[in-house]
């Protein structure tokens, strides 16, 4: 299928100190198999200090140009988006090269699939001199290209390179480009994948030049890049609407954040900073999770827990609850386990009416159990008071059904069996793990 009328396509070219490569990039953009009158090339000079401006001058009558103070890749892309007038928008790094059929092939996919908002492709890798080093970026990086509804996979890892083409009608989703993003591709893909399908052309439509000064973080070491990715993950786990995902997908994305933070701690000696405002925000997200549990909304619960962890990565209780929620009902070890009530230790020791209601519920449900959550840094006498409160209503007689989850993080083995939110027999007065 072809477009009845060729849409206008904008190619945004962010450039910083790219003089040796820029002419090849712009020549490849101008050589696209697309009507010249419907092709717009926007070149953003991001405060270059070499001969980039002089190269741009030689193309001034064929491209839209703008100079700005140096602000980095995402800021340059944002400036380009402000100027772009196309119906479709794509990107070209100033040191890369497009195949002549790049625009046509991707535009045809979007014509064929009106429910698709973004299409990306493979790329060929080359060195600074333009010699091919690998025929496929996907193969070289071990990437399995995905299409369809891919948000759940994208929050775990970015498999969509800067080869993407996106419908300008969706620009309200990705403009302005978030400053926390390591590069525009992941941010735009996340923003669009939340509302539309994504498609892929599995052949290389770009040639990606790898060298020490790549504008998109090529000059940054692995651990520093991991730190930037972690900061971005903390942002998008709070900002994105993840309620279309399965709890297991949300938990997997959160686990990658924590893994990245641990790598940063080990390699760079940097702990995740948590401000007072972030702790307050985490508390608010835990409250939203508790409300979502009451409504039986698993995805909303998981999303709120992930946001709480993003605010405060040391929030072990929320992590344990998220891990438990992500466990599928048919997971091994789920069958035959006692159904739990989950209660905070401080509530159990101060709210006598709560203990009476708990005792009554336990008497009425022989299969039920209790999980008592002790907060990190708890005083020893709190554990003693918990036992006393249970003892006072003969609940400790069912020792097999009573489990104390002690420490910074609720033991995963306990909580996975204990917290199955679907059908969980929680009393309104009881507090589930998300609000610990």
Protein backbone atom coordinates (compact mmCIF):
# COMPACT_ATOMS: atom_id res chain seq x y z
CA UNK A 1 0.00 0.00 0.00
CA UNK A 2 1.10 3.57 -0.65
CA UNK A 3 -0.03 6.89 0.71
CA UNK A 4 -2.73 8.48 -1.50
CA UNK A 5 -0.78 11.70 -1.12
CA UNK A 6 2.84 11.59 -0.01
CA UNK A 7 3.08 12.85 3.57
CA UNK A 8 5.66 15.45 4.45
CA UNK A 9 8.64 13.87 6.19
CA UNK A 10 10.97 15.74 8.53
CA UNK A 11 14.48 14.40 9.14
CA UNK A 12 15.98 15.94 12.28
CA UNK A 13 19.80 16.04 12.33
CA UNK A 14 21.36 17.05 15.67
CA UNK A 15 25.02 17.96 15.21
CA UNK A 16 27.81 18.69 17.65
CA UNK A 17 31.40 18.97 16.43
CA UNK A 18 30.50 16.71 13.51
CA UNK A 19 32.39 18.47 10.74
CA UNK A 20 34.24 15.36 9.46
CA UNK A 21 31.01 13.39 8.97
CA UNK A 22 28.15 15.85 8.52
CA UNK A 23 28.36 16.24 4.74
CA UNK A 24 27.96 12.47 4.21
CA UNK A 25 24.97 12.45 6.57
CA UNK A 26 23.23 15.35 4.81
CA UNK A 27 23.96 13.95 1.36
CA UNK A 28 22.29 10.69 2.38
CA UNK A 29 19.25 12.58 3.67
CA UNK A 30 18.94 14.58 0.45
CA UNK A 31 19.25 11.39 -1.62
CA UNK A 32 16.13 9.76 -0.19
CA UNK A 33 13.67 8.07 -2.54
CA UNK A 34 10.99 10.56 -1.62
CA UNK A 35 9.53 13.63 -3.37
CA UNK A 36 11.93 16.47 -2.67
CA UNK A 37 9.07 18.88 -2.04
CA UNK A 38 7.78 16.62 0.75
CA UNK A 39 11.14 16.12 2.46
CA UNK A 40 12.30 18.54 5.16
CA UNK A 41 15.76 18.30 6.71
CA UNK A 42 16.23 20.17 9.98
CA UNK A 43 19.85 20.56 11.11
CA UNK A 44 20.48 21.67 14.69
CA UNK A 45 24.00 22.86 15.47
CA UNK A 46 24.28 22.21 19.20
CA UNK A 47 26.97 24.77 19.98
CA UNK A 48 29.70 23.20 17.86
CA UNK A 49 33.19 24.63 18.18
CA UNK A 50 34.74 22.96 15.12
CA UNK A 51 33.87 23.47 11.44
CA UNK A 52 30.31 22.14 11.70
CA UNK A 53 28.74 25.55 11.04
CA UNK A 54 30.82 25.95 7.87
CA UNK A 55 29.63 22.57 6.58
CA UNK A 56 26.02 23.51 7.28
CA UNK A 57 26.47 26.76 5.36
CA UNK A 58 27.12 24.82 2.16
CA UNK A 59 23.68 23.17 2.49
CA UNK A 60 21.78 26.22 3.74
CA UNK A 61 19.59 26.50 0.63
CA UNK A 62 18.47 22.85 0.92
CA UNK A 63 17.96 22.37 4.66
CA UNK A 64 16.41 24.17 7.62
CA UNK A 65 19.17 25.19 10.02
CA UNK A 66 19.36 26.54 13.56
CA UNK A 67 22.19 27.16 15.99
CA UNK A 68 21.77 26.86 19.73
CA UNK A 69 23.91 26.84 22.85
CA UNK A 70 25.26 23.41 23.66
CA UNK A 71 22.68 21.46 25.63
CA UNK A 72 23.25 17.85 24.65
CA UNK A 73 21.55 15.41 22.32
CA UNK A 74 18.01 15.50 23.72
CA UNK A 75 17.99 19.28 23.90
CA UNK A 76 19.13 19.48 20.27
CA UNK A 77 16.45 17.02 19.21
CA UNK A 78 13.89 19.08 21.09
CA UNK A 79 14.90 22.17 19.14
CA UNK A 80 14.58 20.20 15.92
CA UNK A 81 11.09 19.05 16.88
CA UNK A 82 10.04 22.65 17.45
CA UNK A 83 10.97 23.44 13.84
CA UNK A 84 9.77 20.23 12.17
CA UNK A 85 6.60 20.53 10.08
CA UNK A 86 6.38 17.00 8.71
CA UNK A 87 3.54 14.51 9.07
CA UNK A 88 6.19 11.89 9.80
CA UNK A 89 9.36 12.55 11.78
CA UNK A 90 12.61 10.63 11.75
CA UNK A 91 16.14 11.22 12.99
CA UNK A 92 19.68 11.07 11.67
CA UNK A 93 22.75 11.50 13.84
CA UNK A 94 25.24 13.81 12.15
CA UNK A 95 27.88 11.07 11.92
CA UNK A 96 25.57 8.40 10.44
CA UNK A 97 24.30 7.69 6.93
CA UNK A 98 20.85 6.72 5.61
CA UNK A 99 20.16 4.17 2.93
CA UNK A 100 18.30 5.79 0.02
CA UNK A 101 15.15 3.75 0.71
CA UNK A 102 15.03 4.51 4.45
CA UNK A 103 12.21 7.08 4.39
CA UNK A 104 10.19 5.27 1.74
CA UNK A 105 10.35 1.87 3.42
CA UNK A 106 9.32 3.14 6.83
CA UNK A 107 6.61 5.44 5.45
CA UNK A 108 5.14 2.47 3.58
CA UNK A 109 4.91 0.48 6.81
CA UNK A 110 3.00 3.31 8.46
CA UNK A 111 0.70 3.53 5.44
CA UNK A 112 0.00 -0.20 5.63
CA UNK A 113 -0.57 -0.16 9.39
CA UNK A 114 -2.70 2.80 10.47
CA UNK A 115 -2.77 1.50 14.04
CA UNK A 116 1.01 1.71 14.26
CA UNK A 117 2.56 4.93 15.52
CA UNK A 118 6.26 4.15 15.18
CA UNK A 119 8.48 2.00 12.99
CA UNK A 120 12.18 1.30 13.49
CA UNK A 121 14.79 -0.74 11.67
CA UNK A 122 18.09 -2.52 12.00
CA UNK A 123 21.34 -0.70 11.26
CA UNK A 124 24.71 -1.59 9.82
CA UNK A 125 27.74 -0.75 11.94
CA UNK A 126 30.80 1.02 10.55
CA UNK A 127 33.96 2.52 11.96
CA UNK A 128 35.08 6.14 11.89
CA UNK A 129 36.40 5.71 8.35
CA UNK A 130 33.14 4.26 7.04
CA UNK A 131 34.28 0.64 6.83
CA UNK A 132 31.60 -1.87 7.77
CA UNK A 133 32.28 -3.63 11.05
CA UNK A 134 29.02 -5.58 11.41
CA UNK A 135 26.10 -6.11 9.03
CA UNK A 136 23.46 -6.02 11.76
CA UNK A 137 23.20 -3.99 14.95
CA UNK A 138 20.54 -6.38 16.23
CA UNK A 139 22.78 -9.40 15.76
CA UNK A 140 25.88 -7.66 17.14
CA UNK A 141 24.05 -6.56 20.28
CA UNK A 142 22.03 -9.74 20.74
CA UNK A 143 18.75 -7.82 20.28
CA UNK A 144 15.51 -9.55 19.37
CA UNK A 145 13.46 -6.90 17.55
CA UNK A 146 9.87 -6.81 18.79
CA UNK A 147 6.72 -5.28 17.38
CA UNK A 148 3.10 -4.79 18.40
CA UNK A 149 2.38 -3.66 21.94
CA UNK A 150 5.90 -3.52 23.33
CA UNK A 151 5.74 -1.18 26.34
CA UNK A 152 6.26 -4.02 28.81
CA UNK A 153 9.50 -4.99 27.08
CA UNK A 154 10.66 -1.39 26.61
CA UNK A 155 10.59 -0.64 30.33
CA UNK A 156 13.05 -3.50 30.74
CA UNK A 157 15.49 -2.59 27.97
CA UNK A 158 15.66 -0.34 24.95
CA UNK A 159 15.74 -2.33 21.71
CA UNK A 160 14.61 0.57 19.46
CA UNK A 161 17.57 2.51 18.04
CA UNK A 162 17.50 6.02 16.58
CA UNK A 163 16.36 4.58 13.24
CA UNK A 164 12.77 5.18 14.30
CA UNK A 165 10.13 7.07 12.30
CA UNK A 166 7.10 8.35 14.23
CA UNK A 167 3.81 9.97 13.31
CA UNK A 168 3.85 13.69 14.07
CA UNK A 169 0.25 13.36 15.27
CA UNK A 170 1.72 11.72 18.39
CA UNK A 171 4.19 14.50 19.16
CA UNK A 172 2.12 15.58 22.14
CA UNK A 173 3.26 12.32 23.73
CA UNK A 174 6.99 12.93 23.26
CA UNK A 175 7.44 16.69 23.11
CA UNK A 176 9.31 18.16 24.88
CA UNK A 177 11.95 15.46 25.06
CA UNK A 178 12.57 14.53 28.69
CA UNK A 179 15.91 15.86 29.89
CA UNK A 180 16.56 12.70 31.93
CA UNK A 181 16.57 10.52 28.80
CA UNK A 182 20.01 9.25 27.71
CA UNK A 183 18.88 9.69 24.07
CA UNK A 184 15.69 10.55 22.23
CA UNK A 185 15.01 7.07 20.83
CA UNK A 186 14.14 5.32 24.10
CA UNK A 187 12.08 8.25 25.36
CA UNK A 188 10.03 8.57 22.17
CA UNK A 189 9.53 4.81 21.94
CA UNK A 190 8.29 4.62 25.54
CA UNK A 191 5.94 7.55 25.05
CA UNK A 192 4.44 6.16 21.85
CA UNK A 193 4.34 2.47 22.82
CA UNK A 194 1.93 3.32 25.63
CA UNK A 195 -0.81 4.20 23.13
CA UNK A 196 -0.02 2.52 19.79
CA UNK A 197 1.62 -0.48 18.24
CA UNK A 198 5.23 -0.44 17.07
CA UNK A 199 6.56 -2.03 13.85
CA UNK A 200 10.01 -3.03 12.69
CA UNK A 201 11.85 -3.28 9.36
CA UNK A 202 14.34 -6.04 10.03
CA UNK A 203 16.83 -4.91 7.40
CA UNK A 204 19.40 -2.17 8.03
CA UNK A 205 18.17 1.22 6.79
CA UNK A 206 20.91 3.20 8.58
CA UNK A 207 24.67 2.96 8.75
CA UNK A 208 25.77 3.73 12.31
CA UNK A 209 29.28 5.08 12.77
CA UNK A 210 30.92 4.00 16.02
CA UNK A 211 33.71 6.22 17.28
CA UNK A 212 34.95 7.74 20.51
CA UNK A 213 32.92 10.95 20.31
CA UNK A 214 29.44 9.72 19.37
CA UNK A 215 26.98 12.41 20.40
CA UNK A 216 24.62 9.78 21.78
CA UNK A 217 26.82 8.76 24.69
CA UNK A 218 29.51 7.02 22.69
CA UNK A 219 32.17 8.76 24.73
CA UNK A 220 30.66 7.69 28.06
CA UNK A 221 31.88 4.56 29.82
CA UNK A 222 29.56 1.64 30.53
CA UNK A 223 29.06 2.35 34.22
CA UNK A 224 28.37 6.05 33.63
CA UNK A 225 25.88 5.10 30.93
CA UNK A 226 24.26 2.68 33.37
CA UNK A 227 23.97 5.53 35.87
CA UNK A 228 22.20 7.69 33.27
CA UNK A 229 19.90 4.83 32.36
CA UNK A 230 19.07 4.30 36.03
CA UNK A 231 18.18 7.97 36.46
CA UNK A 232 15.92 7.73 33.43
CA UNK A 233 14.31 4.56 34.74
CA UNK A 234 13.58 6.29 38.03
CA UNK A 235 11.86 9.03 36.06
CA UNK A 236 9.75 6.91 33.72
CA UNK A 237 8.60 4.40 36.36
CA UNK A 238 6.94 7.39 38.02
CA UNK A 239 5.85 9.31 34.92
CA UNK A 240 4.50 6.65 32.54
CA UNK A 241 1.04 5.13 32.68
CA UNK A 242 1.88 1.44 33.14
CA UNK A 243 -1.62 0.24 33.95
CA UNK A 244 -1.95 -1.53 30.59
CA UNK A 245 0.83 -3.93 31.60
CA UNK A 246 0.89 -7.14 33.59
CA UNK A 247 2.28 -6.88 37.13
CA UNK A 248 5.07 -9.27 36.11
CA UNK A 249 6.17 -6.85 33.36
CA UNK A 250 6.19 -3.92 35.77
CA UNK A 251 8.13 -5.94 38.32
CA UNK A 252 10.67 -6.94 35.67
CA UNK A 253 11.23 -3.31 34.69
CA UNK A 254 11.68 -2.35 38.34
CA UNK A 255 14.16 -5.18 38.86
CA UNK A 256 16.32 -3.80 36.03
CA UNK A 257 16.37 -0.41 37.77
CA UNK A 258 17.60 -1.98 41.00
CA UNK A 259 20.18 -4.03 39.13
CA UNK A 260 21.48 -0.88 37.42
CA UNK A 261 21.66 0.99 40.72
CA UNK A 262 23.62 -1.88 42.24
CA UNK A 263 26.09 -1.80 39.33
CA UNK A 264 26.52 1.94 39.80
CA UNK A 265 27.12 1.42 43.51
CA UNK A 266 29.72 -1.28 42.93
CA UNK A 267 31.50 0.29 39.95
CA UNK A 268 31.28 4.00 40.73
CA UNK A 269 30.73 3.98 44.48
CA UNK A 270 27.57 6.06 44.08
CA UNK A 271 24.47 5.34 46.13
CA UNK A 272 21.04 6.28 44.85
CA UNK A 273 20.20 9.65 46.36
CA UNK A 274 16.74 9.97 47.90
CA UNK A 275 15.46 13.41 48.84
CA UNK A 276 12.87 14.24 51.44
CA UNK A 277 10.41 15.09 48.68
CA UNK A 278 11.02 11.71 47.08
CA UNK A 279 10.29 9.93 50.35
CA UNK A 280 7.05 11.86 50.62
CA UNK A 281 6.21 10.95 47.03
CA UNK A 282 6.98 7.28 47.74
CA UNK A 283 4.54 7.37 50.64
CA UNK A 284 1.89 8.81 48.34
CA UNK A 285 2.47 6.04 45.78
CA UNK A 286 2.16 3.41 48.52
CA UNK A 287 -1.17 4.92 49.49
CA UNK A 288 -2.30 4.69 45.86
CA UNK A 289 -1.22 1.05 45.82
CA UNK A 290 -3.27 0.31 48.92
CA UNK A 291 -6.32 1.95 47.34
CA UNK A 292 -5.78 -0.04 44.14
CA UNK A 293 -5.64 -3.28 46.13
CA UNK A 294 -9.02 -2.46 47.64
CA UNK A 295 -10.42 -2.12 44.12
CA UNK A 296 -8.79 -5.34 42.92
CA UNK A 297 -6.76 -3.42 40.34
CA UNK A 298 -3.56 -5.46 40.03
CA UNK A 299 -1.91 -3.37 37.30
CA UNK A 300 -2.60 -0.10 39.12
CA UNK A 301 -1.23 -1.64 42.32
CA UNK A 302 1.94 -2.77 40.57
CA UNK A 303 2.41 0.59 38.84
CA UNK A 304 2.06 2.47 42.12
CA UNK A 305 4.51 0.13 43.85
CA UNK A 306 7.03 0.59 41.02
CA UNK A 307 6.66 4.36 41.33
CA UNK A 308 7.28 4.13 45.08
CA UNK A 309 10.45 2.12 44.48
CA UNK A 310 11.60 4.58 41.81
CA UNK A 311 11.22 7.39 44.34
CA UNK A 312 12.98 5.43 47.08
CA UNK A 313 14.95 2.41 45.82
CA UNK A 314 15.49 1.36 49.46
CA UNK A 315 11.77 0.77 49.91
CA UNK A 316 12.11 -2.96 50.47
CA UNK A 317 8.54 -3.47 51.59
CA UNK A 318 7.13 -2.11 48.34
CA UNK A 319 9.60 -4.23 46.39
CA UNK A 320 8.53 -7.38 48.21
CA UNK A 321 4.88 -6.61 47.62
CA UNK A 322 5.55 -5.98 43.92
CA UNK A 323 7.47 -9.24 43.58
CA UNK A 324 4.63 -11.08 45.26
CA UNK A 325 2.00 -9.47 43.08
CA UNK A 326 3.97 -10.39 39.98
CA UNK A 327 3.87 -14.08 40.86
CA UNK A 328 1.28 -15.73 38.64
CA UNK A 329 -1.41 -17.86 40.27
CA UNK A 330 -0.15 -20.95 38.47
CA UNK A 331 3.44 -20.53 39.63
CA UNK A 332 4.92 -23.59 41.38
CA UNK A 333 4.31 -23.57 45.11
CA UNK A 334 1.17 -21.47 44.90
CA UNK A 335 -1.30 -24.27 45.32
CA UNK A 336 -2.22 -25.41 48.79
CA UNK A 337 -0.65 -22.50 50.63
CA UNK A 338 -2.67 -20.80 53.36
CA UNK A 339 -4.53 -17.65 52.41
CA UNK A 340 -3.03 -14.70 54.26
CA UNK A 341 -3.93 -11.53 56.01
CA UNK A 342 -1.10 -8.99 55.79
CA UNK A 343 -0.79 -6.52 58.62
CA UNK A 344 1.71 -3.94 59.76
CA UNK A 345 3.34 -4.65 63.08
CA UNK A 346 2.61 -1.19 64.50
CA UNK A 347 -1.08 -1.49 63.63
CA UNK A 348 -1.26 -4.92 65.20
CA UNK A 349 0.22 -3.68 68.47
CA UNK A 350 -1.80 -0.45 68.78
CA UNK A 351 -5.22 -1.16 67.28
CA UNK A 352 -6.99 -3.63 69.58
CA UNK A 353 -10.14 -3.59 67.50
CA UNK A 354 -8.06 -4.64 64.51
CA UNK A 355 -6.68 -7.61 66.44
CA UNK A 356 -10.19 -8.69 67.46
CA UNK A 357 -11.37 -8.52 63.84
CA UNK A 358 -8.32 -10.47 62.73
CA UNK A 359 -8.97 -13.16 65.35
CA UNK A 360 -12.59 -13.45 64.25
CA UNK A 361 -11.59 -13.75 60.60
CA UNK A 362 -8.99 -16.39 61.40
CA UNK A 363 -11.56 -18.40 63.33
CA UNK A 364 -13.98 -18.27 60.40
CA UNK A 365 -11.35 -19.28 57.83
CA UNK A 366 -9.32 -22.31 58.79
CA UNK A 367 -7.11 -21.93 55.69
CA UNK A 368 -6.09 -18.35 56.47
CA UNK A 369 -2.70 -17.26 57.76
CA UNK A 370 -1.07 -14.06 58.92
CA UNK A 371 1.94 -12.20 57.61
CA UNK A 372 3.19 -9.59 60.05
CA UNK A 373 5.48 -7.00 58.47
CA UNK A 374 8.11 -5.54 60.75
CA UNK A 375 9.63 -2.29 59.40
CA UNK A 376 13.34 -1.99 58.85
CA UNK A 377 15.14 -0.67 61.88
CA UNK A 378 12.45 -2.03 64.20
CA UNK A 379 13.09 -2.13 67.92
CA UNK A 380 13.42 -5.60 69.43
CA UNK A 381 10.53 -4.96 71.79
CA UNK A 382 8.23 -4.42 68.78
CA UNK A 383 8.63 -8.06 67.82
CA UNK A 384 7.89 -9.03 71.42
CA UNK A 385 4.76 -6.88 71.42
CA UNK A 386 3.62 -8.48 68.15
CA UNK A 387 3.88 -11.93 69.71
CA UNK A 388 2.07 -10.70 72.80
CA UNK A 389 -0.77 -9.24 70.71
CA UNK A 390 -1.16 -12.50 68.84
CA UNK A 391 -0.88 -14.50 72.04
CA UNK A 392 -3.61 -12.46 73.66
CA UNK A 393 -6.13 -13.74 71.11
CA UNK A 394 -4.75 -17.31 70.96
CA UNK A 395 -3.45 -16.70 67.46
CA UNK A 396 0.02 -18.01 68.23
CA UNK A 397 -1.51 -21.45 68.71
CA UNK A 398 -1.61 -21.63 64.93
CA UNK A 399 2.12 -21.20 64.68
CA UNK A 400 2.34 -22.79 61.25
CA UNK A 401 -0.05 -20.16 59.92
CA UNK A 402 1.79 -17.20 61.44
CA UNK A 403 4.91 -15.87 59.79
CA UNK A 404 6.99 -12.91 60.87
CA UNK A 405 8.64 -11.11 57.97
CA UNK A 406 11.64 -9.46 59.55
CA UNK A 407 14.25 -7.15 58.10
CA UNK A 408 14.74 -4.50 55.47
CA UNK A 409 13.00 -6.54 52.82
CA UNK A 410 10.15 -8.94 53.36
CA UNK A 411 11.44 -12.42 52.51
CA UNK A 412 10.43 -13.10 48.94
CA UNK A 413 9.53 -16.72 49.66
CA UNK A 414 7.09 -15.64 52.35
CA UNK A 415 5.46 -12.81 50.47
CA UNK A 416 5.15 -14.60 47.15
CA UNK A 417 2.95 -17.18 48.80
CA UNK A 418 1.34 -14.70 51.13
CA UNK A 419 0.26 -11.82 48.94
CA UNK A 420 -1.97 -12.89 46.07
CA UNK A 421 -4.02 -9.78 45.64
CA UNK A 422 -6.70 -11.37 43.47
CA UNK A 423 -9.16 -12.80 45.96
CA UNK A 424 -6.98 -11.86 48.92
CA UNK A 425 -9.23 -11.91 51.99
CA UNK A 426 -8.14 -8.56 53.37
CA UNK A 427 -10.29 -6.89 55.96
CA UNK A 428 -10.82 -3.17 55.28
CA UNK A 429 -9.00 -2.37 58.52
CA UNK A 430 -5.96 -4.40 57.56
CA UNK A 431 -3.08 -2.94 55.65
CA UNK A 432 -1.51 -4.80 52.75
CA UNK A 433 2.19 -4.74 52.01
CA UNK A 434 2.09 -1.79 49.58
CA UNK A 435 1.46 0.69 52.39
CA UNK A 436 4.06 -0.64 54.81
